[in-house]
Amino acid sequence: MEKKATKEILENYRGLHLDELIQQKNKLHEDITVMRFKNKSGQLDDLGAYRRAKTNFARLQTIIEEKTRAK
């Protein structure tokens, strides 16, 4: 089931335009920053969400790089 979810996430990201991907990346970066501070202060309840956010951020960066190289 995890692989299917990953494939769906990648398909959704690849279907977006470059500007939308950059906006998503910026929002995710803000979320990761907040989660990082919460984690350090012991207020983060769901450590898995932090890990998933970092993974999705890396996926977004990869897809953005692919799209910019394709131009």
N, C-alpha and C. Protein backbone atom coordinates (compact mmCIF):
# COMPACT_ATOMS: atom_id res chain seq x y z
N MET A 1 0.83 -1.19 0.00
CA MET A 1 0.00 0.00 0.00
C MET A 1 0.87 1.26 0.00
N GLU A 2 2.01 1.20 0.65
CA GLU A 2 2.90 2.35 0.70
C GLU A 2 3.41 2.72 -0.69
N LYS A 3 3.72 1.71 -1.51
CA LYS A 3 4.22 2.00 -2.85
C LYS A 3 3.17 2.70 -3.70
N LYS A 4 1.92 2.29 -3.55
CA LYS A 4 0.85 2.92 -4.32
C LYS A 4 0.71 4.38 -3.91
N ALA A 5 0.79 4.64 -2.64
CA ALA A 5 0.68 6.02 -2.17
C ALA A 5 1.84 6.85 -2.72
N THR A 6 3.02 6.27 -2.75
CA THR A 6 4.19 6.98 -3.28
C THR A 6 4.01 7.27 -4.76
N LYS A 7 3.51 6.29 -5.51
CA LYS A 7 3.28 6.50 -6.94
C LYS A 7 2.25 7.59 -7.18
N GLU A 8 1.21 7.60 -6.37
CA GLU A 8 0.18 8.64 -6.52
C GLU A 8 0.75 10.02 -6.21
N ILE A 9 1.57 10.11 -5.19
CA ILE A 9 2.19 11.39 -4.84
C ILE A 9 3.07 11.87 -5.98
N LEU A 10 3.88 10.98 -6.52
CA LEU A 10 4.77 11.36 -7.62
C LEU A 10 3.98 11.77 -8.86
N GLU A 11 2.90 11.05 -9.17
CA GLU A 11 2.07 11.41 -10.32
C GLU A 11 1.44 12.78 -10.12
N ASN A 12 0.98 13.05 -8.90
CA ASN A 12 0.39 14.36 -8.62
C ASN A 12 1.42 15.47 -8.78
N TYR A 13 2.61 15.26 -8.26
CA TYR A 13 3.67 16.27 -8.37
C TYR A 13 4.07 16.48 -9.82
N ARG A 14 4.20 15.40 -10.57
CA ARG A 14 4.63 15.53 -11.97
C ARG A 14 3.56 16.19 -12.83
N GLY A 15 2.31 16.14 -12.41
CA GLY A 15 1.23 16.77 -13.15
C GLY A 15 1.14 18.27 -12.93
N LEU A 16 1.86 18.80 -11.96
CA LEU A 16 1.80 20.23 -11.65
C LEU A 16 2.79 21.01 -12.51
N HIS A 17 2.50 22.29 -12.69
CA HIS A 17 3.42 23.18 -13.40
C HIS A 17 4.56 23.56 -12.47
N LEU A 18 5.62 24.07 -13.05
CA LEU A 18 6.82 24.40 -12.30
C LEU A 18 6.54 25.43 -11.20
N ASP A 19 5.74 26.45 -11.51
CA ASP A 19 5.42 27.46 -10.50
C ASP A 19 4.68 26.86 -9.31
N GLU A 20 3.75 25.95 -9.59
CA GLU A 20 3.00 25.30 -8.51
C GLU A 20 3.92 24.43 -7.66
N LEU A 21 4.85 23.76 -8.32
CA LEU A 21 5.81 22.92 -7.59
C LEU A 21 6.67 23.76 -6.65
N ILE A 22 7.10 24.91 -7.13
CA ILE A 22 7.93 25.79 -6.30
C ILE A 22 7.14 26.31 -5.11
N GLN A 23 5.86 26.64 -5.33
CA GLN A 23 5.01 27.09 -4.22
C GLN A 23 4.85 25.98 -3.19
N GLN A 24 4.61 24.76 -3.67
CA GLN A 24 4.46 23.61 -2.76
C GLN A 24 5.75 23.40 -1.97
N LYS A 25 6.89 23.50 -2.66
CA LYS A 25 8.18 23.31 -2.00
C LYS A 25 8.40 24.36 -0.91
N ASN A 26 8.06 25.61 -1.21
CA ASN A 26 8.24 26.67 -0.22
C ASN A 26 7.35 26.46 1.00
N LYS A 27 6.10 26.04 0.77
CA LYS A 27 5.19 25.78 1.89
C LYS A 27 5.70 24.60 2.73
N LEU A 28 6.15 23.57 2.05
CA LEU A 28 6.66 22.40 2.76
C LEU A 28 7.91 22.75 3.56
N HIS A 29 8.74 23.63 3.02
CA HIS A 29 9.94 24.07 3.74
C HIS A 29 9.56 24.79 5.03
N GLU A 30 8.53 25.63 4.96
CA GLU A 30 8.05 26.32 6.16
C GLU A 30 7.52 25.32 7.19
N ASP A 31 6.76 24.33 6.71
CA ASP A 31 6.21 23.31 7.61
C ASP A 31 7.33 22.52 8.28
N ILE A 32 8.35 22.17 7.51
CA ILE A 32 9.48 21.41 8.05
C ILE A 32 10.21 22.22 9.11
N THR A 33 10.36 23.52 8.86
CA THR A 33 11.03 24.38 9.83
C THR A 33 10.27 24.41 11.15
N VAL A 34 8.96 24.55 11.07
CA VAL A 34 8.13 24.55 12.28
C VAL A 34 8.24 23.21 13.00
N MET A 35 8.16 22.11 12.23
CA MET A 35 8.25 20.79 12.83
C MET A 35 9.61 20.56 13.48
N ARG A 36 10.67 21.08 12.87
CA ARG A 36 12.02 20.92 13.42
C ARG A 36 12.11 21.58 14.80
N PHE A 37 11.57 22.80 14.91
CA PHE A 37 11.60 23.49 16.21
C PHE A 37 10.74 22.77 17.24
N LYS A 38 9.57 22.28 16.80
CA LYS A 38 8.72 21.53 17.73
C LYS A 38 9.41 20.26 18.19
N ASN A 39 10.11 19.59 17.27
CA ASN A 39 10.81 18.36 17.62
C ASN A 39 11.91 18.63 18.64
N LYS A 40 12.66 19.70 18.43
CA LYS A 40 13.75 20.02 19.35
C LYS A 40 13.24 20.41 20.74
N SER A 41 12.05 21.02 20.78
CA SER A 41 11.50 21.43 22.07
C SER A 41 10.62 20.35 22.70
N GLY A 42 10.47 19.21 22.01
CA GLY A 42 9.70 18.10 22.56
C GLY A 42 8.20 18.24 22.40
N GLN A 43 7.75 19.13 21.54
CA GLN A 43 6.32 19.35 21.35
C GLN A 43 5.75 18.62 20.14
N LEU A 44 6.59 17.99 19.33
CA LEU A 44 6.13 17.30 18.13
C LEU A 44 5.60 15.93 18.52
N ASP A 45 4.33 15.69 18.23
CA ASP A 45 3.69 14.43 18.59
C ASP A 45 3.93 13.35 17.53
N ASP A 46 3.89 13.73 16.26
CA ASP A 46 3.98 12.76 15.17
C ASP A 46 5.31 12.92 14.45
N LEU A 47 6.29 12.15 14.87
CA LEU A 47 7.61 12.22 14.25
C LEU A 47 7.57 11.69 12.82
N GLY A 48 6.64 10.80 12.53
CA GLY A 48 6.49 10.27 11.18
C GLY A 48 6.09 11.34 10.18
N ALA A 49 5.29 12.29 10.61
CA ALA A 49 4.89 13.39 9.72
C ALA A 49 6.11 14.23 9.35
N TYR A 50 7.01 14.42 10.28
CA TYR A 50 8.24 15.17 10.03
C TYR A 50 9.09 14.44 8.98
N ARG A 51 9.20 13.15 9.14
CA ARG A 51 9.98 12.34 8.19
C ARG A 51 9.34 12.34 6.81
N ARG A 52 8.02 12.19 6.74
CA ARG A 52 7.32 12.21 5.46
C ARG A 52 7.46 13.57 4.77
N ALA A 53 7.40 14.63 5.55
CA ALA A 53 7.54 15.97 4.98
C ALA A 53 8.93 16.15 4.37
N LYS A 54 9.96 15.68 5.06
CA LYS A 54 11.31 15.80 4.51
C LYS A 54 11.47 14.96 3.24
N THR A 55 10.86 13.79 3.22
CA THR A 55 10.92 12.94 2.03
C THR A 55 10.20 13.59 0.86
N ASN A 56 9.02 14.15 1.12
CA ASN A 56 8.27 14.82 0.06
C ASN A 56 9.00 16.06 -0.43
N PHE A 57 9.69 16.75 0.46
CA PHE A 57 10.48 17.91 0.06
C PHE A 57 11.58 17.49 -0.92
N ALA A 58 12.24 16.38 -0.62
CA ALA A 58 13.28 15.88 -1.51
C ALA A 58 12.69 15.46 -2.86
N ARG A 59 11.52 14.84 -2.83
CA ARG A 59 10.85 14.47 -4.08
C ARG A 59 10.54 15.70 -4.91
N LEU A 60 10.02 16.73 -4.25
CA LEU A 60 9.71 17.97 -4.96
C LEU A 60 10.96 18.58 -5.58
N GLN A 61 12.03 18.62 -4.84
CA GLN A 61 13.28 19.17 -5.37
C GLN A 61 13.74 18.40 -6.61
N THR A 62 13.61 17.09 -6.56
CA THR A 62 14.02 16.25 -7.68
C THR A 62 13.17 16.53 -8.91
N ILE A 63 11.86 16.61 -8.74
CA ILE A 63 10.96 16.85 -9.86
C ILE A 63 11.17 18.25 -10.43
N ILE A 64 11.39 19.23 -9.56
CA ILE A 64 11.67 20.59 -10.04
C ILE A 64 12.95 20.59 -10.87
N GLU A 65 13.96 19.90 -10.40
CA GLU A 65 15.22 19.82 -11.15
C GLU A 65 15.01 19.14 -12.50
N GLU A 66 14.21 18.07 -12.52
CA GLU A 66 13.92 17.38 -13.78
C GLU A 66 13.24 18.31 -14.77
N LYS A 67 12.27 19.08 -14.28
CA LYS A 67 11.52 19.97 -15.16
C LYS A 67 12.38 21.13 -15.66
N THR A 68 13.26 21.64 -14.83
CA THR A 68 14.11 22.74 -15.28
C THR A 68 15.16 22.26 -16.27
N ARG A 69 15.63 21.05 -16.12
CA ARG A 69 16.59 20.50 -17.09
C ARG A 69 15.92 20.18 -18.42
N ALA A 70 14.64 19.86 -18.39
CA ALA A 70 13.92 19.51 -19.61
C ALA A 70 13.66 20.73 -20.49
N LYS A 71 13.74 21.91 -19.91
CA LYS A 71 13.47 23.13 -20.69
C LYS A 71 14.55 23.44 -21.64
